[in-house]
Protein backbone atom coordinates (compact mmCIF):
# COMPACT_ATOMS: atom_id res chain seq x y z
CA UNK A 1 0.00 0.00 0.00
CA UNK A 2 2.67 2.46 -1.02
CA UNK A 3 0.13 4.85 -2.52
CA UNK A 4 -1.99 4.90 0.65
CA UNK A 5 -2.84 8.30 2.01
CA UNK A 6 -3.96 9.09 5.55
CA UNK A 7 -7.60 10.10 5.86
CA UNK A 8 -9.50 11.19 8.95
CA UNK A 9 -12.78 9.51 9.83
CA UNK A 10 -15.07 9.97 12.81
CA UNK A 11 -17.04 7.17 14.45
CA UNK A 12 -19.12 7.82 17.57
CA UNK A 13 -17.46 11.21 17.96
CA UNK A 14 -14.00 9.65 18.05
CA UNK A 15 -11.53 10.55 15.31
CA UNK A 16 -9.34 7.98 13.57
CA UNK A 17 -6.58 8.40 11.00
CA UNK A 18 -6.71 5.55 8.49
CA UNK A 19 -4.41 4.72 5.58
CA UNK A 20 -6.46 4.62 2.40
CA UNK A 21 -5.43 3.69 -1.14
CA UNK A 22 -5.58 6.53 -3.64
CA UNK A 23 -8.97 6.80 -5.29
CA UNK A 24 -10.83 4.98 -2.51
CA UNK A 25 -11.29 7.90 -0.13
CA UNK A 26 -14.97 8.44 -0.91
CA UNK A 27 -15.72 4.72 -0.40
CA UNK A 28 -13.92 4.78 2.96
CA UNK A 29 -15.77 7.90 4.05
CA UNK A 30 -19.11 6.35 3.02
CA UNK A 31 -18.23 3.16 4.92
CA UNK A 32 -17.29 5.15 8.01
CA UNK A 33 -20.54 7.13 7.79
CA UNK A 34 -22.55 3.89 7.51
CA UNK A 35 -20.72 2.30 10.46
CA UNK A 36 -21.14 5.45 12.53
CA UNK A 37 -24.87 5.43 11.84
CA UNK A 38 -25.25 1.77 12.80
CA UNK A 39 -23.24 2.25 15.99
CA UNK A 40 -25.30 5.31 16.91
CA UNK A 41 -28.50 3.29 16.41
CA UNK A 42 -27.12 0.62 18.73
CA UNK A 43 -26.01 3.16 21.31
CA UNK A 44 -29.29 5.07 21.17
CA UNK A 45 -31.30 1.88 21.72
CA UNK A 46 -30.01 2.10 25.29
CA UNK A 47 -29.57 -1.64 25.68
CA UNK A 48 -25.79 -1.72 25.22
CA UNK A 49 -23.27 0.41 27.05
CA UNK A 50 -19.64 1.09 26.20
CA UNK A 51 -18.08 1.88 22.84
CA UNK A 52 -16.28 -1.46 22.59
CA UNK A 53 -19.45 -3.49 23.21
CA UNK A 54 -21.38 -1.28 20.79
CA UNK A 55 -18.69 -1.88 18.15
CA UNK A 56 -18.70 -5.66 18.66
CA UNK A 57 -22.50 -6.00 18.61
CA UNK A 58 -22.72 -3.74 15.55
CA UNK A 59 -20.02 -5.78 13.80
CA UNK A 60 -21.89 -9.01 14.60
CA UNK A 61 -25.14 -7.57 13.23
CA UNK A 62 -23.40 -6.38 10.06
CA UNK A 63 -21.65 -9.75 9.61
CA UNK A 64 -24.99 -11.52 10.02
CA UNK A 65 -26.58 -9.24 7.40
CA UNK A 66 -23.66 -9.89 5.05
CA UNK A 67 -23.91 -13.66 5.47
CA UNK A 68 -27.68 -13.56 4.89
CA UNK A 69 -27.13 -11.55 1.72
CA UNK A 70 -24.50 -14.05 0.56
CA UNK A 71 -26.90 -16.90 1.23
CA UNK A 72 -29.64 -15.19 -0.77
CA UNK A 73 -27.17 -14.54 -3.61
CA UNK A 74 -26.15 -18.21 -3.61
CA UNK A 75 -29.79 -19.33 -3.72
CA UNK A 76 -30.50 -16.95 -6.60
CA UNK A 77 -27.48 -18.18 -8.55
CA UNK A 78 -28.66 -21.76 -8.14
CA UNK A 79 -32.32 -20.99 -8.86
CA UNK A 80 -31.97 -18.46 -11.65
CA UNK A 81 -30.43 -20.52 -14.52
CA UNK A 82 -33.24 -23.13 -14.58
CA UNK A 83 -35.86 -20.37 -14.37
CA UNK A 84 -34.18 -18.44 -17.18
CA UNK A 85 -34.05 -21.59 -19.31
CA UNK A 86 -37.76 -22.14 -18.65
CA UNK A 87 -38.53 -18.56 -19.69
CA UNK A 88 -36.40 -18.96 -22.81
CA UNK A 89 -38.35 -22.11 -23.74
CA UNK A 90 -41.69 -20.35 -23.20
CA UNK A 91 -40.61 -17.39 -25.32
CA UNK A 92 -39.39 -19.74 -28.06
CA UNK A 93 -42.73 -21.58 -28.08
CA UNK A 94 -44.71 -18.34 -28.27
CA UNK A 95 -42.51 -17.05 -31.09
CA UNK A 96 -42.89 -20.33 -32.97
CA UNK A 97 -46.67 -20.21 -32.55
CA UNK A 98 -46.69 -16.62 -33.75
CA UNK A 99 -44.68 -17.58 -36.86
CA UNK A 100 -47.07 -20.42 -37.62
CA UNK A 101 -50.05 -18.07 -37.34
CA UNK A 102 -48.43 -15.72 -39.84
CA UNK A 103 -48.13 -18.51 -42.40
PDB file of N, CA and C in Angstrom:
ATOM      1  N   UNK A   1       0.829  -1.180   0.000  1.00  0.00           N
ATOM      2  CA  UNK A   1       0.000   0.000   0.000  1.00  0.00           C
ATOM      3  C   UNK A   1       0.870   1.239   0.000  1.00  0.00           C
ATOM      4  N   UNK A   2       1.755   1.329  -0.966  1.00  0.00           N
ATOM      5  CA  UNK A   2       2.672   2.456  -1.016  1.00  0.00           C
ATOM      6  C   UNK A   2       1.970   3.744  -1.409  1.00  0.00           C
ATOM      7  N   UNK A   3       0.846   3.644  -2.126  1.00  0.00           N
ATOM      8  CA  UNK A   3       0.132   4.849  -2.523  1.00  0.00           C
ATOM      9  C   UNK A   3      -0.981   5.209  -1.552  1.00  0.00           C
ATOM     10  N   UNK A   4      -0.979   4.601  -0.354  1.00  0.00           N
ATOM     11  CA  UNK A   4      -1.995   4.899   0.650  1.00  0.00           C
ATOM     12  C   UNK A   4      -1.776   6.287   1.222  1.00  0.00           C
ATOM     13  N   UNK A   5      -2.884   6.959   1.432  1.00  0.00           N
ATOM     14  CA  UNK A   5      -2.841   8.304   2.006  1.00  0.00           C
ATOM     15  C   UNK A   5      -3.653   8.313   3.296  1.00  0.00           C
ATOM     16  N   UNK A   6      -3.192   9.044   4.308  1.00  0.00           N
ATOM     17  CA  UNK A   6      -3.962   9.090   5.550  1.00  0.00           C
ATOM     18  C   UNK A   6      -5.245   9.903   5.356  1.00  0.00           C
ATOM     19  N   UNK A   7      -6.323   9.404   5.928  1.00  0.00           N
ATOM     20  CA  UNK A   7      -7.598  10.103   5.857  1.00  0.00           C
ATOM     21  C   UNK A   7      -8.227  10.049   7.242  1.00  0.00           C
ATOM     22  N   UNK A   8      -8.867  11.124   7.637  1.00  0.00           N
ATOM     23  CA  UNK A   8      -9.501  11.190   8.946  1.00  0.00           C
ATOM     24  C   UNK A   8     -10.971  10.798   8.838  1.00  0.00           C
ATOM     25  N   UNK A   9     -11.378   9.888   9.748  1.00  0.00           N
ATOM     26  CA  UNK A   9     -12.779   9.512   9.833  1.00  0.00           C
ATOM     27  C   UNK A   9     -13.226   9.684  11.274  1.00  0.00           C
ATOM     28  N   UNK A  10     -14.521   9.805  11.472  1.00  0.00           N
ATOM     29  CA  UNK A  10     -15.072   9.967  12.808  1.00  0.00           C
ATOM     30  C   UNK A  10     -16.173   8.941  13.017  1.00  0.00           C
ATOM     31  N   UNK A  11     -16.045   8.174  14.098  1.00  0.00           N
ATOM     32  CA  UNK A  11     -17.041   7.173  14.452  1.00  0.00           C
ATOM     33  C   UNK A  11     -17.377   7.342  15.919  1.00  0.00           C
ATOM     34  N   UNK A  12     -18.643   7.555  16.207  1.00  0.00           N
ATOM     35  CA  UNK A  12     -19.123   7.820  17.569  1.00  0.00           C
ATOM     36  C   UNK A  12     -18.314   8.943  18.225  1.00  0.00           C
ATOM     37  N   UNK A  13     -18.149  10.009  17.485  1.00  0.00           N
ATOM     38  CA  UNK A  13     -17.457  11.215  17.965  1.00  0.00           C
ATOM     39  C   UNK A  13     -15.995  10.984  18.325  1.00  0.00           C
ATOM     40  N   UNK A  14     -15.419   9.914  17.835  1.00  0.00           N
ATOM     41  CA  UNK A  14     -14.000   9.655  18.053  1.00  0.00           C
ATOM     42  C   UNK A  14     -13.326   9.668  16.687  1.00  0.00           C
ATOM     43  N   UNK A  15     -12.218  10.396  16.584  1.00  0.00           N
ATOM     44  CA  UNK A  15     -11.525  10.545  15.312  1.00  0.00           C
ATOM     45  C   UNK A  15     -10.437   9.484  15.151  1.00  0.00           C
ATOM     46  N   UNK A  16     -10.335   8.991  13.912  1.00  0.00           N
ATOM     47  CA  UNK A  16      -9.341   7.978  13.566  1.00  0.00           C
ATOM     48  C   UNK A  16      -8.641   8.416  12.292  1.00  0.00           C
ATOM     49  N   UNK A  17      -7.344   8.172  12.219  1.00  0.00           N
ATOM     50  CA  UNK A  17      -6.577   8.401  10.997  1.00  0.00           C
ATOM     51  C   UNK A  17      -6.319   7.024  10.395  1.00  0.00           C
ATOM     52  N   UNK A  18      -6.767   6.855   9.141  1.00  0.00           N
ATOM     53  CA  UNK A  18      -6.709   5.554   8.494  1.00  0.00           C
ATOM     54  C   UNK A  18      -5.974   5.686   7.167  1.00  0.00           C
ATOM     55  N   UNK A  19      -5.084   4.738   6.881  1.00  0.00           N
ATOM     56  CA  UNK A  19      -4.413   4.716   5.580  1.00  0.00           C
ATOM     57  C   UNK A  19      -5.414   4.223   4.545  1.00  0.00           C
ATOM     58  N   UNK A  20      -5.481   4.939   3.435  1.00  0.00           N
ATOM     59  CA  UNK A  20      -6.462   4.622   2.402  1.00  0.00           C
ATOM     60  C   UNK A  20      -5.805   4.693   1.027  1.00  0.00           C
ATOM     61  N   UNK A  21      -5.994   3.649   0.206  1.00  0.00           N
ATOM     62  CA  UNK A  21      -5.429   3.687  -1.143  1.00  0.00           C
ATOM     63  C   UNK A  21      -5.983   4.865  -1.940  1.00  0.00           C
ATOM     64  N   UNK A  22      -5.159   5.420  -2.805  1.00  0.00           N
ATOM     65  CA  UNK A  22      -5.583   6.534  -3.637  1.00  0.00           C
ATOM     66  C   UNK A  22      -6.810   6.142  -4.444  1.00  0.00           C
ATOM     67  N   UNK A  23      -7.761   7.039  -4.521  1.00  0.00           N
ATOM     68  CA  UNK A  23      -8.970   6.802  -5.291  1.00  0.00           C
ATOM     69  C   UNK A  23     -10.075   6.106  -4.518  1.00  0.00           C
ATOM     70  N   UNK A  24      -9.811   5.677  -3.297  1.00  0.00           N
ATOM     71  CA  UNK A  24     -10.830   4.980  -2.512  1.00  0.00           C
ATOM     72  C   UNK A  24     -11.304   5.787  -1.309  1.00  0.00           C
ATOM     73  N   UNK A  25     -10.928   7.073  -1.266  1.00  0.00           N
ATOM     74  CA  UNK A  25     -11.286   7.901  -0.128  1.00  0.00           C
ATOM     75  C   UNK A  25     -12.794   8.022   0.053  1.00  0.00           C
ATOM     76  N   UNK A  26     -13.515   8.249  -1.038  1.00  0.00           N
ATOM     77  CA  UNK A  26     -14.967   8.435  -0.908  1.00  0.00           C
ATOM     78  C   UNK A  26     -15.628   7.157  -0.425  1.00  0.00           C
ATOM     79  N   UNK A  27     -15.158   5.994  -0.862  1.00  0.00           N
ATOM     80  CA  UNK A  27     -15.717   4.721  -0.400  1.00  0.00           C
ATOM     81  C   UNK A  27     -15.447   4.530   1.093  1.00  0.00           C
ATOM     82  N   UNK A  28     -14.248   4.895   1.537  1.00  0.00           N
ATOM     83  CA  UNK A  28     -13.920   4.775   2.956  1.00  0.00           C
ATOM     84  C   UNK A  28     -14.779   5.718   3.781  1.00  0.00           C
ATOM     85  N   UNK A  29     -14.948   6.943   3.319  1.00  0.00           N
ATOM     86  CA  UNK A  29     -15.775   7.904   4.051  1.00  0.00           C
ATOM     87  C   UNK A  29     -17.229   7.432   4.128  1.00  0.00           C
ATOM     88  N   UNK A  30     -17.731   6.878   3.042  1.00  0.00           N
ATOM     89  CA  UNK A  30     -19.105   6.353   3.024  1.00  0.00           C
ATOM     90  C   UNK A  30     -19.241   5.163   3.978  1.00  0.00           C
ATOM     91  N   UNK A  31     -18.230   4.306   3.997  1.00  0.00           N
ATOM     92  CA  UNK A  31     -18.235   3.159   4.920  1.00  0.00           C
ATOM     93  C   UNK A  31     -18.213   3.628   6.368  1.00  0.00           C
ATOM     94  N   UNK A  32     -17.384   4.616   6.651  1.00  0.00           N
ATOM     95  CA  UNK A  32     -17.293   5.151   8.015  1.00  0.00           C
ATOM     96  C   UNK A  32     -18.616   5.787   8.425  1.00  0.00           C
ATOM     97  N   UNK A  33     -19.240   6.491   7.502  1.00  0.00           N
ATOM     98  CA  UNK A  33     -20.541   7.128   7.789  1.00  0.00           C
ATOM     99  C   UNK A  33     -21.596   6.056   8.081  1.00  0.00           C
ATOM    100  N   UNK A  34     -21.610   4.984   7.301  1.00  0.00           N
ATOM    101  CA  UNK A  34     -22.547   3.885   7.508  1.00  0.00           C
ATOM    102  C   UNK A  34     -22.320   3.236   8.868  1.00  0.00           C
ATOM    103  N   UNK A  35     -21.054   2.919   9.176  1.00  0.00           N
ATOM    104  CA  UNK A  35     -20.720   2.304  10.458  1.00  0.00           C
ATOM    105  C   UNK A  35     -21.093   3.210  11.617  1.00  0.00           C
ATOM    106  N   UNK A  36     -20.789   4.484  11.490  1.00  0.00           N
ATOM    107  CA  UNK A  36     -21.138   5.454  12.535  1.00  0.00           C
ATOM    108  C   UNK A  36     -22.646   5.451  12.776  1.00  0.00           C
ATOM    109  N   UNK A  37     -23.415   5.441  11.704  1.00  0.00           N
ATOM    110  CA  UNK A  37     -24.869   5.428  11.839  1.00  0.00           C
ATOM    111  C   UNK A  37     -25.370   4.183  12.543  1.00  0.00           C
ATOM    112  N   UNK A  38     -24.844   3.024  12.160  1.00  0.00           N
ATOM    113  CA  UNK A  38     -25.250   1.766  12.796  1.00  0.00           C
ATOM    114  C   UNK A  38     -24.877   1.737  14.275  1.00  0.00           C
ATOM    115  N   UNK A  39     -23.675   2.238  14.585  1.00  0.00           N
ATOM    116  CA  UNK A  39     -23.236   2.250  15.985  1.00  0.00           C
ATOM    117  C   UNK A  39     -24.061   3.232  16.800  1.00  0.00           C
ATOM    118  N   UNK A  40     -24.445   4.354  16.205  1.00  0.00           N
ATOM    119  CA  UNK A  40     -25.305   5.310  16.907  1.00  0.00           C
ATOM    120  C   UNK A  40     -26.688   4.710  17.181  1.00  0.00           C
ATOM    121  N   UNK A  41     -27.221   3.973  16.199  1.00  0.00           N
ATOM    122  CA  UNK A  41     -28.505   3.289  16.414  1.00  0.00           C
ATOM    123  C   UNK A  41     -28.398   2.338  17.597  1.00  0.00           C
ATOM    124  N   UNK A  42     -27.322   1.571  17.645  1.00  0.00           N
ATOM    125  CA  UNK A  42     -27.119   0.617  18.726  1.00  0.00           C
ATOM    126  C   UNK A  42     -26.990   1.342  20.065  1.00  0.00           C
ATOM    127  N   UNK A  43     -26.201   2.402  20.075  1.00  0.00           N
ATOM    128  CA  UNK A  43     -26.008   3.163  21.308  1.00  0.00           C
ATOM    129  C   UNK A  43     -27.317   3.796  21.768  1.00  0.00           C
ATOM    130  N   UNK A  44     -28.065   4.360  20.822  1.00  0.00           N
ATOM    131  CA  UNK A  44     -29.294   5.068  21.167  1.00  0.00           C
ATOM    132  C   UNK A  44     -30.426   4.125  21.584  1.00  0.00           C
ATOM    133  N   UNK A  45     -30.275   2.839  21.280  1.00  0.00           N
ATOM    134  CA  UNK A  45     -31.299   1.880  21.721  1.00  0.00           C
ATOM    135  C   UNK A  45     -31.269   1.752  23.237  1.00  0.00           C
ATOM    136  N   UNK A  46     -30.131   2.099  23.835  1.00  0.00           N
ATOM    137  CA  UNK A  46     -30.015   2.100  25.292  1.00  0.00           C
ATOM    138  C   UNK A  46     -29.793   0.739  25.911  1.00  0.00           C
ATOM    139  N   UNK A  47     -29.730  -0.305  25.114  1.00  0.00           N
ATOM    140  CA  UNK A  47     -29.571  -1.644  25.681  1.00  0.00           C
ATOM    141  C   UNK A  47     -28.114  -2.051  25.843  1.00  0.00           C
ATOM    142  N   UNK A  48     -27.207  -1.354  25.168  1.00  0.00           N
ATOM    143  CA  UNK A  48     -25.789  -1.720  25.223  1.00  0.00           C
ATOM    144  C   UNK A  48     -24.977  -0.498  25.615  1.00  0.00           C
ATOM    145  N   UNK A  49     -24.095  -0.685  26.570  1.00  0.00           N
ATOM    146  CA  UNK A  49     -23.268   0.411  27.054  1.00  0.00           C
ATOM    147  C   UNK A  49     -21.804   0.136  26.721  1.00  0.00           C
ATOM    148  N   UNK A  50     -21.074   1.199  26.453  1.00  0.00           N
ATOM    149  CA  UNK A  50     -19.645   1.094  26.198  1.00  0.00           C
ATOM    150  C   UNK A  50     -19.353   0.985  24.711  1.00  0.00           C
ATOM    151  N   UNK A  51     -18.411   1.810  24.265  1.00  0.00           N
ATOM    152  CA  UNK A  51     -18.083   1.879  22.839  1.00  0.00           C
ATOM    153  C   UNK A  51     -17.596   0.544  22.292  1.00  0.00           C
ATOM    154  N   UNK A  52     -16.803  -0.182  23.073  1.00  0.00           N
ATOM    155  CA  UNK A  52     -16.280  -1.456  22.593  1.00  0.00           C
ATOM    156  C   UNK A  52     -17.407  -2.474  22.394  1.00  0.00           C
ATOM    157  N   UNK A  53     -18.319  -2.563  23.343  1.00  0.00           N
ATOM    158  CA  UNK A  53     -19.451  -3.492  23.209  1.00  0.00           C
ATOM    159  C   UNK A  53     -20.352  -3.077  22.057  1.00  0.00           C
ATOM    160  N   UNK A  54     -20.572  -1.775  21.906  1.00  0.00           N
ATOM    161  CA  UNK A  54     -21.382  -1.277  20.792  1.00  0.00           C
ATOM    162  C   UNK A  54     -20.727  -1.678  19.473  1.00  0.00           C
ATOM    163  N   UNK A  55     -19.411  -1.533  19.377  1.00  0.00           N
ATOM    164  CA  UNK A  55     -18.687  -1.878  18.153  1.00  0.00           C
ATOM    165  C   UNK A  55     -18.804  -3.373  17.852  1.00  0.00           C
ATOM    166  N   UNK A  56     -18.648  -4.213  18.871  1.00  0.00           N
ATOM    167  CA  UNK A  56     -18.695  -5.664  18.661  1.00  0.00           C
ATOM    168  C   UNK A  56     -20.103  -6.098  18.250  1.00  0.00           C
ATOM    169  N   UNK A  57     -21.123  -5.614  18.936  1.00  0.00           N
ATOM    170  CA  UNK A  57     -22.496  -6.004  18.605  1.00  0.00           C
ATOM    171  C   UNK A  57     -22.867  -5.492  17.219  1.00  0.00           C
ATOM    172  N   UNK A  58     -22.451  -4.284  16.890  1.00  0.00           N
ATOM    173  CA  UNK A  58     -22.718  -3.738  15.554  1.00  0.00           C
ATOM    174  C   UNK A  58     -22.016  -4.575  14.498  1.00  0.00           C
ATOM    175  N   UNK A  59     -20.769  -4.947  14.746  1.00  0.00           N
ATOM    176  CA  UNK A  59     -20.018  -5.780  13.799  1.00  0.00           C
ATOM    177  C   UNK A  59     -20.696  -7.138  13.623  1.00  0.00           C
ATOM    178  N   UNK A  60     -21.186  -7.724  14.708  1.00  0.00           N
ATOM    179  CA  UNK A  60     -21.886  -9.005  14.604  1.00  0.00           C
ATOM    180  C   UNK A  60     -23.161  -8.869  13.775  1.00  0.00           C
ATOM    181  N   UNK A  61     -23.915  -7.803  14.003  1.00  0.00           N
ATOM    182  CA  UNK A  61     -25.136  -7.571  13.226  1.00  0.00           C
ATOM    183  C   UNK A  61     -24.824  -7.385  11.743  1.00  0.00           C
ATOM    184  N   UNK A  62     -23.779  -6.621  11.449  1.00  0.00           N
ATOM    185  CA  UNK A  62     -23.404  -6.383  10.056  1.00  0.00           C
ATOM    186  C   UNK A  62     -22.896  -7.669   9.405  1.00  0.00           C
ATOM    187  N   UNK A  63     -22.129  -8.472  10.145  1.00  0.00           N
ATOM    188  CA  UNK A  63     -21.646  -9.747   9.610  1.00  0.00           C
ATOM    189  C   UNK A  63     -22.822 -10.678   9.331  1.00  0.00           C
ATOM    190  N   UNK A  64     -23.796 -10.699  10.227  1.00  0.00           N
ATOM    191  CA  UNK A  64     -24.992 -11.516  10.024  1.00  0.00           C
ATOM    192  C   UNK A  64     -25.744 -11.070   8.771  1.00  0.00           C
ATOM    193  N   UNK A  65     -25.913  -9.767   8.603  1.00  0.00           N
ATOM    194  CA  UNK A  65     -26.577  -9.240   7.404  1.00  0.00           C
ATOM    195  C   UNK A  65     -25.813  -9.635   6.143  1.00  0.00           C
ATOM    196  N   UNK A  66     -24.498  -9.539   6.195  1.00  0.00           N
ATOM    197  CA  UNK A  66     -23.664  -9.889   5.046  1.00  0.00           C
ATOM    198  C   UNK A  66     -23.794 -11.371   4.697  1.00  0.00           C
ATOM    199  N   UNK A  67     -23.782 -12.218   5.711  1.00  0.00           N
ATOM    200  CA  UNK A  67     -23.913 -13.659   5.472  1.00  0.00           C
ATOM    201  C   UNK A  67     -25.293 -14.001   4.924  1.00  0.00           C
ATOM    202  N   UNK A  68     -26.330 -13.336   5.426  1.00  0.00           N
ATOM    203  CA  UNK A  68     -27.677 -13.563   4.894  1.00  0.00           C
ATOM    204  C   UNK A  68     -27.739 -13.159   3.429  1.00  0.00           C
ATOM    205  N   UNK A  69     -27.144 -12.023   3.098  1.00  0.00           N
ATOM    206  CA  UNK A  69     -27.134 -11.548   1.717  1.00  0.00           C
ATOM    207  C   UNK A  69     -26.389 -12.536   0.830  1.00  0.00           C
ATOM    208  N   UNK A  70     -25.256 -13.052   1.312  1.00  0.00           N
ATOM    209  CA  UNK A  70     -24.498 -14.047   0.556  1.00  0.00           C
ATOM    210  C   UNK A  70     -25.297 -15.312   0.343  1.00  0.00           C
ATOM    211  N   UNK A  71     -26.064 -15.712   1.345  1.00  0.00           N
ATOM    212  CA  UNK A  71     -26.897 -16.901   1.231  1.00  0.00           C
ATOM    213  C   UNK A  71     -27.994 -16.694   0.198  1.00  0.00           C
ATOM    214  N   UNK A  72     -28.600 -15.515   0.208  1.00  0.00           N
ATOM    215  CA  UNK A  72     -29.637 -15.194  -0.772  1.00  0.00           C
ATOM    216  C   UNK A  72     -29.029 -15.176  -2.170  1.00  0.00           C
ATOM    217  N   UNK A  73     -27.841 -14.568  -2.310  1.00  0.00           N
ATOM    218  CA  UNK A  73     -27.166 -14.538  -3.608  1.00  0.00           C
ATOM    219  C   UNK A  73     -26.892 -15.955  -4.114  1.00  0.00           C
ATOM    220  N   UNK A  74     -26.443 -16.832  -3.236  1.00  0.00           N
ATOM    221  CA  UNK A  74     -26.148 -18.208  -3.614  1.00  0.00           C
ATOM    222  C   UNK A  74     -27.424 -18.915  -4.077  1.00  0.00           C
ATOM    223  N   UNK A  75     -28.514 -18.719  -3.341  1.00  0.00           N
ATOM    224  CA  UNK A  75     -29.786 -19.328  -3.722  1.00  0.00           C
ATOM    225  C   UNK A  75     -30.238 -18.821  -5.086  1.00  0.00           C
ATOM    226  N   UNK A  76     -30.098 -17.516  -5.313  1.00  0.00           N
ATOM    227  CA  UNK A  76     -30.505 -16.950  -6.599  1.00  0.00           C
ATOM    228  C   UNK A  76     -29.662 -17.509  -7.738  1.00  0.00           C
ATOM    229  N   UNK A  77     -28.352 -17.639  -7.512  1.00  0.00           N
ATOM    230  CA  UNK A  77     -27.475 -18.178  -8.549  1.00  0.00           C
ATOM    231  C   UNK A  77     -27.833 -19.620  -8.889  1.00  0.00           C
ATOM    232  N   UNK A  78     -28.275 -20.379  -7.891  1.00  0.00           N
ATOM    233  CA  UNK A  78     -28.661 -21.763  -8.140  1.00  0.00           C
ATOM    234  C   UNK A  78     -30.042 -21.838  -8.797  1.00  0.00           C
ATOM    235  N   UNK A  79     -30.939 -20.956  -8.403  1.00  0.00           N
ATOM    236  CA  UNK A  79     -32.319 -20.993  -8.863  1.00  0.00           C
ATOM    237  C   UNK A  79     -32.512 -20.306 -10.210  1.00  0.00           C
ATOM    238  N   UNK A  80     -31.746 -19.279 -10.471  1.00  0.00           N
ATOM    239  CA  UNK A  80     -31.967 -18.457 -11.652  1.00  0.00           C
ATOM    240  C   UNK A  80     -31.726 -19.170 -12.986  1.00  0.00           C
ATOM    241  N   UNK A  81     -30.636 -19.889 -13.201  1.00  0.00           N
ATOM    242  CA  UNK A  81     -30.432 -20.517 -14.517  1.00  0.00           C
ATOM    243  C   UNK A  81     -31.585 -21.420 -14.972  1.00  0.00           C
ATOM    244  N   UNK A  82     -32.110 -22.320 -14.113  1.00  0.00           N
ATOM    245  CA  UNK A  82     -33.244 -23.130 -14.576  1.00  0.00           C
ATOM    246  C   UNK A  82     -34.477 -22.276 -14.898  1.00  0.00           C
ATOM    247  N   UNK A  83     -34.713 -21.243 -14.118  1.00  0.00           N
ATOM    248  CA  UNK A  83     -35.862 -20.373 -14.373  1.00  0.00           C
ATOM    249  C   UNK A  83     -35.677 -19.603 -15.669  1.00  0.00           C
ATOM    250  N   UNK A  84     -34.448 -19.144 -15.920  1.00  0.00           N
ATOM    251  CA  UNK A  84     -34.179 -18.437 -17.178  1.00  0.00           C
ATOM    252  C   UNK A  84     -34.353 -19.370 -18.372  1.00  0.00           C
ATOM    253  N   UNK A  85     -33.897 -20.607 -18.228  1.00  0.00           N
ATOM    254  CA  UNK A  85     -34.046 -21.589 -19.312  1.00  0.00           C
ATOM    255  C   UNK A  85     -35.527 -21.846 -19.572  1.00  0.00           C
ATOM    256  N   UNK A  86     -36.310 -21.945 -18.523  1.00  0.00           N
ATOM    257  CA  UNK A  86     -37.756 -22.145 -18.655  1.00  0.00           C
ATOM    258  C   UNK A  86     -38.390 -20.961 -19.390  1.00  0.00           C
ATOM    259  N   UNK A  87     -38.007 -19.748 -19.011  1.00  0.00           N
ATOM    260  CA  UNK A  87     -38.529 -18.560 -19.693  1.00  0.00           C
ATOM    261  C   UNK A  87     -38.119 -18.545 -21.161  1.00  0.00           C
ATOM    262  N   UNK A  88     -36.877 -18.915 -21.427  1.00  0.00           N
ATOM    263  CA  UNK A  88     -36.397 -18.963 -22.808  1.00  0.00           C
ATOM    264  C   UNK A  88     -37.234 -19.947 -23.629  1.00  0.00           C
ATOM    265  N   UNK A  89     -37.532 -21.110 -23.043  1.00  0.00           N
ATOM    266  CA  UNK A  89     -38.348 -22.105 -23.740  1.00  0.00           C
ATOM    267  C   UNK A  89     -39.760 -21.577 -24.007  1.00  0.00           C
ATOM    268  N   UNK A  90     -40.344 -20.910 -23.023  1.00  0.00           N
ATOM    269  CA  UNK A  90     -41.687 -20.346 -23.196  1.00  0.00           C
ATOM    270  C   UNK A  90     -41.696 -19.294 -24.306  1.00  0.00           C
ATOM    271  N   UNK A  91     -40.700 -18.437 -24.290  1.00  0.00           N
ATOM    272  CA  UNK A  91     -40.609 -17.391 -25.320  1.00  0.00           C
ATOM    273  C   UNK A  91     -40.441 -18.026 -26.696  1.00  0.00           C
ATOM    274  N   UNK A  92     -39.604 -19.049 -26.779  1.00  0.00           N
ATOM    275  CA  UNK A  92     -39.389 -19.737 -28.058  1.00  0.00           C
ATOM    276  C   UNK A  92     -40.690 -20.353 -28.567  1.00  0.00           C
ATOM    277  N   UNK A  93     -41.453 -20.977 -27.674  1.00  0.00           N
ATOM    278  CA  UNK A  93     -42.730 -21.584 -28.078  1.00  0.00           C
ATOM    279  C   UNK A  93     -43.706 -20.526 -28.582  1.00  0.00           C
ATOM    280  N   UNK A  94     -43.803 -19.413 -27.867  1.00  0.00           N
ATOM    281  CA  UNK A  94     -44.712 -18.339 -28.271  1.00  0.00           C
ATOM    282  C   UNK A  94     -44.280 -17.761 -29.621  1.00  0.00           C
ATOM    283  N   UNK A  95     -42.998 -17.568 -29.808  1.00  0.00           N
ATOM    284  CA  UNK A  95     -42.513 -17.048 -31.091  1.00  0.00           C
ATOM    285  C   UNK A  95     -42.800 -18.034 -32.221  1.00  0.00           C
ATOM    286  N   UNK A  96     -42.613 -19.313 -31.951  1.00  0.00           N
ATOM    287  CA  UNK A  96     -42.892 -20.328 -32.973  1.00  0.00           C
ATOM    288  C   UNK A  96     -44.381 -20.352 -33.312  1.00  0.00           C
ATOM    289  N   UNK A  97     -45.224 -20.256 -32.298  1.00  0.00           N
ATOM    290  CA  UNK A  97     -46.674 -20.213 -32.547  1.00  0.00           C
ATOM    291  C   UNK A  97     -47.041 -18.972 -33.347  1.00  0.00           C
ATOM    292  N   UNK A  98     -46.413 -17.872 -33.033  1.00  0.00           N
ATOM    293  CA  UNK A  98     -46.685 -16.623 -33.751  1.00  0.00           C
ATOM    294  C   UNK A  98     -46.266 -16.751 -35.214  1.00  0.00           C
ATOM    295  N   UNK A  99     -45.145 -17.373 -35.470  1.00  0.00           N
ATOM    296  CA  UNK A  99     -44.680 -17.577 -36.857  1.00  0.00           C
ATOM    297  C   UNK A  99     -45.640 -18.469 -37.631  1.00  0.00           C
ATOM    298  N   UNK A 100     -46.138 -19.499 -36.955  1.00  0.00           N
ATOM    299  CA  UNK A 100     -47.071 -20.419 -37.618  1.00  0.00           C
ATOM    300  C   UNK A 100     -48.391 -19.721 -37.942  1.00  0.00           C
ATOM    301  N   UNK A 101     -48.820 -18.814 -37.080  1.00  0.00           N
ATOM    302  CA  UNK A 101     -50.046 -18.074 -37.341  1.00  0.00           C
ATOM    303  C   UNK A 101     -49.889 -17.121 -38.521  1.00  0.00           C
ATOM    304  N   UNK A 102     -48.698 -16.638 -38.717  1.00  0.00           N
ATOM    305  CA  UNK A 102     -48.433 -15.715 -39.840  1.00  0.00           C
ATOM    306  C   UNK A 102     -48.466 -16.450 -41.166  1.00  0.00           C
ATOM    307  N   UNK A 103     -48.186 -17.723 -41.149  1.00  0.00           N
ATOM    308  CA  UNK A 103     -48.129 -18.507 -42.399  1.00  0.00           C
ATOM    309  C   UNK A 103     -49.473 -18.863 -42.848  1.00  0.00           C
TER     310      UNK A 103
END
